[in-house]
Amino acid sequence: MNAEILKRRFADIGARLSVETGAPSGPARQLRTAAWRVLRGEDFTIDVGRDQRGETFQLAVRPDAAAALELVALDVQPERRHLLLMAKRLDAATDEKRKFLCGHDERHWFVAAVPESGAATVEQAMEALKPAAAQAAQQRRHVRRNNWHDRKNEGFVRQGEWFFLPRPEFEPPSVSLVLHNEPIRRPGGTPHVVEQLYRHGGTVVYVHLRYPGGLSEQQHEALLKRTPAAKSWPWEVMRRNPRVFARGKVRHPDHATIELAGWHEVVMSAEQRAPNVAFLD
């Protein structure tokens, strides 16, 4: 791993990269950076953190993995302020590669794990991160290829990791079921607040800081039997993977407010649909 080359590639998109190969400093339980999560057993992690100079990408590599880890910027797009990072273990029995899209979206830098794909460019990675429903919408509405990655086109409106697909034929069964200024969120994320929202279906889950992905009713009951004190924890009852429709303004502190003129179905980016992450609402 050549840290200096990587730093130059990040500088090409206007970003800073810090590389840490030792044990993280400070109480590990208080850190929410890549360095903290390396303690969980990963060979490396990459995240966005903040120091005295502002936001910075943070690459943390476990010391015993550094020699066998290859990290390469496959594609660098300075004008878009994005790059595609590939990670590979040189001593692995398989040819497994992991890819991450690193870039800037509206107001902040971000890292997104690219789903298993043959993505070799920034554009291919962005398409791989798009949910299948959004891909279908842009095809159905004949969106020009040059506009596929716009935050708004005929097929969808995007705000961060959320895609809003036009559903002009949809109407809620009753106006009394429409919620106002309702949050939608991914586990651990800052909520996006929707002016008008309707949801149905999904599975009831119990969410707590210790269980951000949620516990099913059976798992929740089993936990309470094992740990009676958990009954007093501040649980939040939510639904996993419901169908959700939104209309009106959608607000988030890290993104410009969008306004949906009619009902739109809400879907999450493919990056957030990893097996251990669910759409909680």
C-alpha atoms as a PDB file:
ATOM      1  CA  MET A   1       0.000   0.000   0.000  1.00  0.00           C
ATOM      2  CA  ASN A   2       1.480   3.313  -1.070  1.00  0.00           C
ATOM      3  CA  ALA A   3      -0.111   5.910   1.188  1.00  0.00           C
ATOM      4  CA  GLU A   4       1.514   8.883  -0.535  1.00  0.00           C
ATOM      5  CA  ILE A   5       0.130   7.949  -3.958  1.00  0.00           C
ATOM      6  CA  LEU A   6      -3.330   7.542  -2.448  1.00  0.00           C
ATOM      7  CA  LYS A   7      -3.107  10.935  -0.769  1.00  0.00           C
ATOM      8  CA  ARG A   8      -2.254  12.523  -4.118  1.00  0.00           C
ATOM      9  CA  ARG A   9      -5.236  10.860  -5.801  1.00  0.00           C
ATOM     10  CA  PHE A  10      -7.560  12.213  -3.088  1.00  0.00           C
ATOM     11  CA  ALA A  11      -5.947  15.635  -3.465  1.00  0.00           C
ATOM     12  CA  ASP A  12      -6.832  15.496  -7.177  1.00  0.00           C
ATOM     13  CA  ILE A  13     -10.525  15.647  -6.220  1.00  0.00           C
ATOM     14  CA  GLY A  14      -9.907  18.395  -3.658  1.00  0.00           C
ATOM     15  CA  ALA A  15      -9.968  16.138  -0.602  1.00  0.00           C
ATOM     16  CA  ARG A  16      -7.540  15.253   2.167  1.00  0.00           C
ATOM     17  CA  LEU A  17      -6.724  11.681   3.198  1.00  0.00           C
ATOM     18  CA  SER A  18      -5.207  10.684   6.521  1.00  0.00           C
ATOM     19  CA  VAL A  19      -3.777   7.184   6.919  1.00  0.00           C
ATOM     20  CA  GLU A  20      -3.472   5.415  10.265  1.00  0.00           C
ATOM     21  CA  THR A  21      -1.813   2.026  10.679  1.00  0.00           C
ATOM     22  CA  GLY A  22      -1.420   1.982  14.464  1.00  0.00           C
ATOM     23  CA  ALA A  23      -3.875   1.658  17.313  1.00  0.00           C
ATOM     24  CA  PRO A  24      -6.361   4.552  17.486  1.00  0.00           C
ATOM     25  CA  SER A  25      -5.822   7.105  20.195  1.00  0.00           C
ATOM     26  CA  GLY A  26      -8.422   8.009  22.817  1.00  0.00           C
ATOM     27  CA  PRO A  27     -11.176   5.830  24.316  1.00  0.00           C
ATOM     28  CA  ALA A  28     -12.258   3.490  21.510  1.00  0.00           C
ATOM     29  CA  ARG A  29     -15.868   3.499  22.630  1.00  0.00           C
ATOM     30  CA  GLN A  30     -16.067   7.261  22.101  1.00  0.00           C
ATOM     31  CA  LEU A  31     -14.643   7.280  18.572  1.00  0.00           C
ATOM     32  CA  ARG A  32     -16.908   7.091  15.539  1.00  0.00           C
ATOM     33  CA  THR A  33     -14.197   7.009  12.879  1.00  0.00           C
ATOM     34  CA  ALA A  34     -12.626   4.413  10.632  1.00  0.00           C
ATOM     35  CA  ALA A  35      -9.852   3.917  13.191  1.00  0.00           C
ATOM     36  CA  TRP A  36     -12.404   2.931  15.840  1.00  0.00           C
ATOM     37  CA  ARG A  37     -14.053   0.344  13.613  1.00  0.00           C
ATOM     38  CA  VAL A  38     -10.757  -1.345  12.710  1.00  0.00           C
ATOM     39  CA  LEU A  39     -10.821  -2.661  16.275  1.00  0.00           C
ATOM     40  CA  ARG A  40     -13.897  -4.665  15.262  1.00  0.00           C
ATOM     41  CA  GLY A  41     -11.775  -6.987  13.125  1.00  0.00           C
ATOM     42  CA  GLU A  42     -11.707  -5.434   9.648  1.00  0.00           C
ATOM     43  CA  ASP A  43      -8.400  -5.302   7.760  1.00  0.00           C
ATOM     44  CA  PHE A  44      -9.126  -1.662   7.024  1.00  0.00           C
ATOM     45  CA  THR A  45     -11.922   0.874   7.015  1.00  0.00           C
ATOM     46  CA  ILE A  46     -12.358   4.194   5.279  1.00  0.00           C
ATOM     47  CA  ASP A  47     -14.603   6.916   6.617  1.00  0.00           C
ATOM     48  CA  VAL A  48     -15.120  10.667   6.663  1.00  0.00           C
ATOM     49  CA  GLY A  49     -14.104  12.406   9.870  1.00  0.00           C
ATOM     50  CA  ARG A  50     -13.269  15.901  10.974  1.00  0.00           C
ATOM     51  CA  ASP A  51     -10.139  17.555  12.332  1.00  0.00           C
ATOM     52  CA  GLN A  52      -9.037  21.152  12.956  1.00  0.00           C
ATOM     53  CA  ARG A  53      -8.987  21.840   9.203  1.00  0.00           C
ATOM     54  CA  GLY A  54     -12.431  20.409   8.476  1.00  0.00           C
ATOM     55  CA  GLU A  55     -13.628  17.200   6.858  1.00  0.00           C
ATOM     56  CA  THR A  56     -11.076  14.586   5.858  1.00  0.00           C
ATOM     57  CA  PHE A  57     -11.151  11.015   4.607  1.00  0.00           C
ATOM     58  CA  GLN A  58      -9.741   8.662   7.230  1.00  0.00           C
ATOM     59  CA  LEU A  59      -8.166   5.381   6.180  1.00  0.00           C
ATOM     60  CA  ALA A  60      -7.336   3.052   9.060  1.00  0.00           C
ATOM     61  CA  VAL A  61      -5.369  -0.120   8.364  1.00  0.00           C
ATOM     62  CA  ARG A  62      -4.688  -2.888  10.849  1.00  0.00           C
ATOM     63  CA  PRO A  63      -0.879  -3.040  11.219  1.00  0.00           C
ATOM     64  CA  ASP A  64      -0.627  -6.773  10.485  1.00  0.00           C
ATOM     65  CA  ALA A  65      -2.657  -6.338   7.269  1.00  0.00           C
ATOM     66  CA  ALA A  66      -0.834  -3.348   5.764  1.00  0.00           C
ATOM     67  CA  ALA A  67       1.842  -5.301   3.845  1.00  0.00           C
ATOM     68  CA  ALA A  68      -0.690  -7.555   2.086  1.00  0.00           C
ATOM     69  CA  LEU A  69      -3.286  -4.872   1.355  1.00  0.00           C
ATOM     70  CA  GLU A  70      -3.453  -3.241  -2.058  1.00  0.00           C
ATOM     71  CA  LEU A  71      -5.446  -0.006  -2.317  1.00  0.00           C
ATOM     72  CA  VAL A  72      -5.741   1.627  -5.736  1.00  0.00           C
ATOM     73  CA  ALA A  73      -7.736   4.561  -7.093  1.00  0.00           C
ATOM     74  CA  LEU A  74      -9.209   2.924 -10.213  1.00  0.00           C
ATOM     75  CA  ASP A  75     -10.785   6.099 -11.555  1.00  0.00           C
ATOM     76  CA  VAL A  76     -10.383   9.731 -10.527  1.00  0.00           C
ATOM     77  CA  GLN A  77     -12.846  12.404 -11.709  1.00  0.00           C
ATOM     78  CA  PRO A  78     -11.645  15.837 -10.482  1.00  0.00           C
ATOM     79  CA  GLU A  79     -14.520  17.772 -12.069  1.00  0.00           C
ATOM     80  CA  ARG A  80     -17.104  15.543 -10.416  1.00  0.00           C
ATOM     81  CA  ARG A  81     -14.987  15.424  -7.223  1.00  0.00           C
ATOM     82  CA  HIS A  82     -15.330  11.629  -7.081  1.00  0.00           C
ATOM     83  CA  LEU A  83     -12.948   8.684  -7.173  1.00  0.00           C
ATOM     84  CA  LEU A  84     -13.389   4.908  -7.157  1.00  0.00           C
ATOM     85  CA  LEU A  85     -11.187   3.085  -4.646  1.00  0.00           C
ATOM     86  CA  MET A  86     -10.413  -0.643  -4.936  1.00  0.00           C
ATOM     87  CA  ALA A  87      -9.108  -2.798  -2.084  1.00  0.00           C
ATOM     88  CA  LYS A  88      -7.595  -6.269  -2.491  1.00  0.00           C
ATOM     89  CA  ARG A  89      -5.675  -8.671  -0.260  1.00  0.00           C
ATOM     90  CA  LEU A  90      -2.560  -9.801  -2.146  1.00  0.00           C
ATOM     91  CA  ASP A  91      -2.232 -12.919   0.013  1.00  0.00           C
ATOM     92  CA  ALA A  92      -5.869 -14.007  -0.355  1.00  0.00           C
ATOM     93  CA  ALA A  93      -6.778 -17.332  -1.952  1.00  0.00           C
ATOM     94  CA  THR A  94      -9.502 -15.643  -3.987  1.00  0.00           C
ATOM     95  CA  ASP A  95      -9.494 -12.637  -6.292  1.00  0.00           C
ATOM     96  CA  GLU A  96     -12.062 -10.811  -4.160  1.00  0.00           C
ATOM     97  CA  LYS A  97     -12.073  -7.041  -4.529  1.00  0.00           C
ATOM     98  CA  ARG A  98     -13.939  -4.401  -2.563  1.00  0.00           C
ATOM     99  CA  LYS A  99     -14.778  -1.055  -4.085  1.00  0.00           C
ATOM    100  CA  PHE A 100     -15.744   2.270  -2.537  1.00  0.00           C
ATOM    101  CA  LEU A 101     -17.035   5.424  -4.148  1.00  0.00           C
ATOM    102  CA  CYS A 102     -15.489   8.432  -2.424  1.00  0.00           C
ATOM    103  CA  GLY A 103     -16.710  11.895  -3.322  1.00  0.00           C
ATOM    104  CA  HIS A 104     -18.553  15.087  -2.554  1.00  0.00           C
ATOM    105  CA  ASP A 105     -22.349  15.409  -2.508  1.00  0.00           C
ATOM    106  CA  GLU A 106     -23.798  18.918  -2.121  1.00  0.00           C
ATOM    107  CA  ARG A 107     -22.209  19.941   1.196  1.00  0.00           C
ATOM    108  CA  HIS A 108     -20.110  17.050   2.479  1.00  0.00           C
ATOM    109  CA  TRP A 109     -17.676  14.299   1.540  1.00  0.00           C
ATOM    110  CA  PHE A 110     -18.981  10.723   1.613  1.00  0.00           C
ATOM    111  CA  VAL A 111     -17.893   7.092   1.253  1.00  0.00           C
ATOM    112  CA  ALA A 112     -20.217   4.458  -0.216  1.00  0.00           C
ATOM    113  CA  ALA A 113     -19.452   0.743  -0.462  1.00  0.00           C
ATOM    114  CA  VAL A 114     -20.198  -0.294  -4.041  1.00  0.00           C
ATOM    115  CA  PRO A 115     -22.295  -3.479  -4.349  1.00  0.00           C
ATOM    116  CA  GLU A 116     -20.710  -6.525  -5.977  1.00  0.00           C
ATOM    117  CA  SER A 117     -20.277  -5.517  -9.599  1.00  0.00           C
ATOM    118  CA  GLY A 118     -17.736  -5.069 -12.341  1.00  0.00           C
ATOM    119  CA  ALA A 119     -17.647  -1.316 -11.786  1.00  0.00           C
ATOM    120  CA  ALA A 120     -14.326   0.091 -13.001  1.00  0.00           C
ATOM    121  CA  THR A 121     -15.250   3.770 -13.324  1.00  0.00           C
ATOM    122  CA  VAL A 122     -16.933   6.403 -11.177  1.00  0.00           C
ATOM    123  CA  GLU A 123     -19.967   6.423 -13.483  1.00  0.00           C
ATOM    124  CA  GLN A 124     -20.359   2.644 -13.295  1.00  0.00           C
ATOM    125  CA  ALA A 125     -20.082   2.752  -9.507  1.00  0.00           C
ATOM    126  CA  MET A 126     -22.737   5.465  -9.291  1.00  0.00           C
ATOM    127  CA  GLU A 127     -25.054   3.336 -11.411  1.00  0.00           C
ATOM    128  CA  ALA A 128     -24.361   0.254  -9.263  1.00  0.00           C
ATOM    129  CA  LEU A 129     -25.317   2.244  -6.156  1.00  0.00           C
ATOM    130  CA  LYS A 130     -28.632   3.212  -7.666  1.00  0.00           C
ATOM    131  CA  PRO A 131     -31.592   1.062  -6.533  1.00  0.00           C
ATOM    132  CA  ALA A 132     -33.108  -1.185  -9.211  1.00  0.00           C
ATOM    133  CA  ALA A 133     -36.392   0.737  -9.054  1.00  0.00           C
ATOM    134  CA  ALA A 134     -34.590   3.998  -9.912  1.00  0.00           C
ATOM    135  CA  GLN A 135     -32.753   2.329 -12.789  1.00  0.00           C
ATOM    136  CA  ALA A 136     -36.064   1.026 -14.128  1.00  0.00           C
ATOM    137  CA  ALA A 137     -37.675   4.468 -13.765  1.00  0.00           C
ATOM    138  CA  GLN A 138     -34.977   6.209 -15.790  1.00  0.00           C
ATOM    139  CA  GLN A 139     -35.297   3.579 -18.530  1.00  0.00           C
ATOM    140  CA  ARG A 140     -39.087   3.720 -18.555  1.00  0.00           C
ATOM    141  CA  ARG A 141     -39.073   7.503 -18.812  1.00  0.00           C
ATOM    142  CA  HIS A 142     -36.259   7.542 -21.403  1.00  0.00           C
ATOM    143  CA  VAL A 143     -33.869   9.659 -19.331  1.00  0.00           C
ATOM    144  CA  ARG A 144     -30.856  10.671 -21.402  1.00  0.00           C
ATOM    145  CA  ARG A 145     -27.661   8.934 -20.300  1.00  0.00           C
ATOM    146  CA  ASN A 146     -26.001  12.285 -19.635  1.00  0.00           C
ATOM    147  CA  ASN A 147     -28.678  12.956 -16.997  1.00  0.00           C
ATOM    148  CA  TRP A 148     -28.613   9.572 -15.253  1.00  0.00           C
ATOM    149  CA  HIS A 149     -26.613  10.885 -12.310  1.00  0.00           C
ATOM    150  CA  ASP A 150     -28.375  14.229 -11.894  1.00  0.00           C
ATOM    151  CA  ARG A 151     -30.060  14.726  -8.543  1.00  0.00           C
ATOM    152  CA  LYS A 152     -33.284  15.381 -10.431  1.00  0.00           C
ATOM    153  CA  ASN A 153     -34.428  13.987 -13.759  1.00  0.00           C
ATOM    154  CA  GLU A 154     -37.628  12.577 -15.254  1.00  0.00           C
ATOM    155  CA  GLY A 155     -37.115   9.240 -13.500  1.00  0.00           C
ATOM    156  CA  PHE A 156     -36.420  10.286  -9.920  1.00  0.00           C
ATOM    157  CA  VAL A 157     -35.432  12.967  -7.446  1.00  0.00           C
ATOM    158  CA  ARG A 158     -32.512  12.162  -5.138  1.00  0.00           C
ATOM    159  CA  GLN A 159     -31.605  13.576  -1.750  1.00  0.00           C
ATOM    160  CA  GLY A 160     -28.562  11.868  -0.251  1.00  0.00           C
ATOM    161  CA  GLU A 161     -29.166   8.114  -0.114  1.00  0.00           C
ATOM    162  CA  TRP A 162     -32.919   8.454  -0.800  1.00  0.00           C
ATOM    163  CA  PHE A 163     -34.536   8.246  -4.231  1.00  0.00           C
ATOM    164  CA  PHE A 164     -38.067   9.534  -4.822  1.00  0.00           C
ATOM    165  CA  LEU A 165     -39.806   7.958  -7.833  1.00  0.00           C
ATOM    166  CA  PRO A 166     -42.878   9.690  -9.361  1.00  0.00           C
ATOM    167  CA  ARG A 167     -46.117   7.783  -8.738  1.00  0.00           C
ATOM    168  CA  PRO A 168     -48.801  10.060 -10.269  1.00  0.00           C
ATOM    169  CA  GLU A 169     -51.390   7.250 -10.113  1.00  0.00           C
ATOM    170  CA  PHE A 170     -51.032   6.790  -6.334  1.00  0.00           C
ATOM    171  CA  GLU A 171     -53.481   8.150  -3.774  1.00  0.00           C
ATOM    172  CA  PRO A 172     -53.571   7.173  -0.080  1.00  0.00           C
ATOM    173  CA  PRO A 173     -56.707   5.227   0.884  1.00  0.00           C
ATOM    174  CA  SER A 174     -57.568   7.961   3.396  1.00  0.00           C
ATOM    175  CA  VAL A 175     -56.214  11.454   4.075  1.00  0.00           C
ATOM    176  CA  SER A 176     -56.347  10.613   7.780  1.00  0.00           C
ATOM    177  CA  LEU A 177     -53.492   8.133   7.223  1.00  0.00           C
ATOM    178  CA  VAL A 178     -51.160  10.791   5.852  1.00  0.00           C
ATOM    179  CA  LEU A 179     -48.490  11.807   8.369  1.00  0.00           C
ATOM    180  CA  HIS A 180     -47.031  15.296   8.494  1.00  0.00           C
ATOM    181  CA  ASN A 181     -43.394  16.318   9.027  1.00  0.00           C
ATOM    182  CA  GLU A 182     -42.483  12.656   9.422  1.00  0.00           C
ATOM    183  CA  PRO A 183     -38.870  11.427   9.566  1.00  0.00           C
ATOM    184  CA  ILE A 184     -37.384   8.692   7.388  1.00  0.00           C
ATOM    185  CA  ARG A 185     -33.966   7.355   8.237  1.00  0.00           C
ATOM    186  CA  ARG A 186     -31.402   4.646   7.791  1.00  0.00           C
ATOM    187  CA  PRO A 187     -29.957   3.063  10.966  1.00  0.00           C
ATOM    188  CA  GLY A 188     -27.608   5.532  12.616  1.00  0.00           C
ATOM    189  CA  GLY A 189     -28.372   8.286  10.112  1.00  0.00           C
ATOM    190  CA  THR A 190     -29.792  11.769  10.546  1.00  0.00           C
ATOM    191  CA  PRO A 191     -33.505  11.736   9.601  1.00  0.00           C
ATOM    192  CA  HIS A 192     -34.850  13.316   6.439  1.00  0.00           C
ATOM    193  CA  VAL A 193     -38.119  15.047   7.363  1.00  0.00           C
ATOM    194  CA  VAL A 194     -40.983  14.665   4.878  1.00  0.00           C
ATOM    195  CA  GLU A 195     -43.831  17.173   4.775  1.00  0.00           C
ATOM    196  CA  GLN A 196     -46.442  14.530   3.862  1.00  0.00           C
ATOM    197  CA  LEU A 197     -45.860  10.796   4.151  1.00  0.00           C
ATOM    198  CA  TYR A 198     -47.893   7.605   3.849  1.00  0.00           C
ATOM    199  CA  ARG A 199     -46.587   4.134   4.707  1.00  0.00           C
ATOM    200  CA  HIS A 200     -47.973   0.624   4.782  1.00  0.00           C
ATOM    201  CA  GLY A 201     -46.682  -2.923   5.215  1.00  0.00           C
ATOM    202  CA  GLY A 202     -43.300  -3.851   6.582  1.00  0.00           C
ATOM    203  CA  THR A 203     -42.320  -5.623   9.783  1.00  0.00           C
ATOM    204  CA  VAL A 204     -42.473  -4.127  13.273  1.00  0.00           C
ATOM    205  CA  VAL A 205     -39.025  -3.790  14.883  1.00  0.00           C
ATOM    206  CA  TYR A 206     -37.739  -2.336  18.148  1.00  0.00           C
ATOM    207  CA  VAL A 207     -34.845   0.086  17.739  1.00  0.00           C
ATOM    208  CA  HIS A 208     -32.358   1.184  20.372  1.00  0.00           C
ATOM    209  CA  LEU A 209     -28.915   2.790  20.270  1.00  0.00           C
ATOM    210  CA  ARG A 210     -27.428  -0.655  20.933  1.00  0.00           C
ATOM    211  CA  TYR A 211     -29.562  -2.206  18.171  1.00  0.00           C
ATOM    212  CA  PRO A 212     -29.746   0.436  15.401  1.00  0.00           C
ATOM    213  CA  GLY A 213     -30.850  -2.161  12.830  1.00  0.00           C
ATOM    214  CA  GLY A 214     -33.821  -3.112  14.986  1.00  0.00           C
ATOM    215  CA  LEU A 215     -34.965  -6.308  16.728  1.00  0.00           C
ATOM    216  CA  SER A 216     -37.994  -8.309  15.653  1.00  0.00           C
ATOM    217  CA  GLU A 217     -40.769  -8.809  18.190  1.00  0.00           C
ATOM    218  CA  GLN A 218     -39.444 -12.311  18.965  1.00  0.00           C
ATOM    219  CA  GLN A 219     -35.874 -11.043  19.363  1.00  0.00           C
ATOM    220  CA  HIS A 220     -37.073  -8.180  21.542  1.00  0.00           C
ATOM    221  CA  GLU A 221     -39.028 -10.533  23.814  1.00  0.00           C
ATOM    222  CA  ALA A 222     -36.038 -12.876  24.111  1.00  0.00           C
ATOM    223  CA  LEU A 223     -33.770  -9.973  25.061  1.00  0.00           C
ATOM    224  CA  LEU A 224     -36.172  -8.807  27.766  1.00  0.00           C
ATOM    225  CA  LYS A 225     -36.192 -12.297  29.274  1.00  0.00           C
ATOM    226  CA  ARG A 226     -32.386 -12.415  29.298  1.00  0.00           C
ATOM    227  CA  THR A 227     -31.952  -8.800  30.408  1.00  0.00           C
ATOM    228  CA  PRO A 228     -34.961  -7.542  32.395  1.00  0.00           C
ATOM    229  CA  ALA A 229     -33.357  -4.089  32.742  1.00  0.00           C
ATOM    230  CA  ALA A 230     -33.802  -3.637  28.982  1.00  0.00           C
ATOM    231  CA  LYS A 231     -37.508  -3.007  29.572  1.00  0.00           C
ATOM    232  CA  SER A 232     -36.635   0.501  30.759  1.00  0.00           C
ATOM    233  CA  TRP A 233     -34.426   1.317  27.780  1.00  0.00           C
ATOM    234  CA  PRO A 234     -35.768   4.018  25.412  1.00  0.00           C
ATOM    235  CA  TRP A 235     -36.997   1.765  22.591  1.00  0.00           C
ATOM    236  CA  GLU A 236     -38.451   3.180  19.391  1.00  0.00           C
ATOM    237  CA  VAL A 237     -41.029   1.087  17.531  1.00  0.00           C
ATOM    238  CA  MET A 238     -40.451   1.293  13.780  1.00  0.00           C
ATOM    239  CA  ARG A 239     -41.127  -0.713  10.626  1.00  0.00           C
ATOM    240  CA  ARG A 240     -38.550  -2.538   8.549  1.00  0.00           C
ATOM    241  CA  ASN A 241     -38.875  -2.196   4.764  1.00  0.00           C
ATOM    242  CA  PRO A 242     -42.383  -0.743   4.476  1.00  0.00           C
ATOM    243  CA  ARG A 243     -43.625   0.838   1.267  1.00  0.00           C
ATOM    244  CA  VAL A 244     -43.391   4.579   1.741  1.00  0.00           C
ATOM    245  CA  PHE A 245     -44.776   7.449  -0.329  1.00  0.00           C
ATOM    246  CA  ALA A 246     -43.850  11.107   0.055  1.00  0.00           C
ATOM    247  CA  ARG A 247     -45.176  14.458  -1.097  1.00  0.00           C
ATOM    248  CA  GLY A 248     -44.221  18.065  -0.437  1.00  0.00           C
ATOM    249  CA  LYS A 249     -40.934  19.306   1.003  1.00  0.00           C
ATOM    250  CA  VAL A 250     -38.157  16.986   2.192  1.00  0.00           C
ATOM    251  CA  ARG A 251     -35.607  18.569   4.531  1.00  0.00           C
ATOM    252  CA  HIS A 252     -32.200  17.472   5.807  1.00  0.00           C
ATOM    253  CA  PRO A 253     -29.408  19.576   7.361  1.00  0.00           C
ATOM    254  CA  ASP A 254     -26.774  18.229   4.943  1.00  0.00           C
ATOM    255  CA  HIS A 255     -28.811  18.684   1.750  1.00  0.00           C
ATOM    256  CA  ALA A 256     -30.780  21.323  -0.069  1.00  0.00           C
ATOM    257  CA  THR A 257     -34.528  21.039   0.529  1.00  0.00           C
ATOM    258  CA  ILE A 258     -36.412  19.355  -2.295  1.00  0.00           C
ATOM    259  CA  GLU A 259     -40.113  19.687  -3.082  1.00  0.00           C
ATOM    260  CA  LEU A 260     -42.139  16.815  -4.532  1.00  0.00           C
ATOM    261  CA  ALA A 261     -45.102  18.145  -6.499  1.00  0.00           C
ATOM    262  CA  GLY A 262     -47.021  14.839  -6.387  1.00  0.00           C
ATOM    263  CA  TRP A 263     -46.769  11.494  -4.639  1.00  0.00           C
ATOM    264  CA  HIS A 264     -43.409   9.732  -4.996  1.00  0.00           C
ATOM    265  CA  GLU A 265     -42.379   6.292  -3.787  1.00  0.00           C
ATOM    266  CA  VAL A 266     -39.339   6.340  -1.488  1.00  0.00           C
ATOM    267  CA  VAL A 267     -36.487   3.867  -2.073  1.00  0.00           C
ATOM    268  CA  MET A 268     -33.001   3.674  -0.605  1.00  0.00           C
ATOM    269  CA  SER A 269     -29.675   3.474  -2.423  1.00  0.00           C
ATOM    270  CA  ALA A 270     -28.247   0.030  -3.115  1.00  0.00           C
ATOM    271  CA  GLU A 271     -25.293   0.776  -0.826  1.00  0.00           C
ATOM    272  CA  GLN A 272     -27.620   0.965   2.151  1.00  0.00           C
ATOM    273  CA  ARG A 273     -29.268  -2.364   1.355  1.00  0.00           C
ATOM    274  CA  ALA A 274     -26.377  -4.449   2.636  1.00  0.00           C
ATOM    275  CA  PRO A 275     -27.574  -7.681   4.336  1.00  0.00           C
ATOM    276  CA  ASN A 276     -27.159  -6.272   7.838  1.00  0.00           C
ATOM    277  CA  VAL A 277     -28.851  -2.911   7.112  1.00  0.00           C
ATOM    278  CA  ALA A 278     -32.572  -2.465   6.617  1.00  0.00           C
ATOM    279  CA  PHE A 279     -34.840   0.419   5.663  1.00  0.00           C
ATOM    280  CA  LEU A 280     -36.286   1.542   8.992  1.00  0.00           C
ATOM    281  CA  ASP A 281     -39.166   3.968   9.046  1.00  0.00           C
END
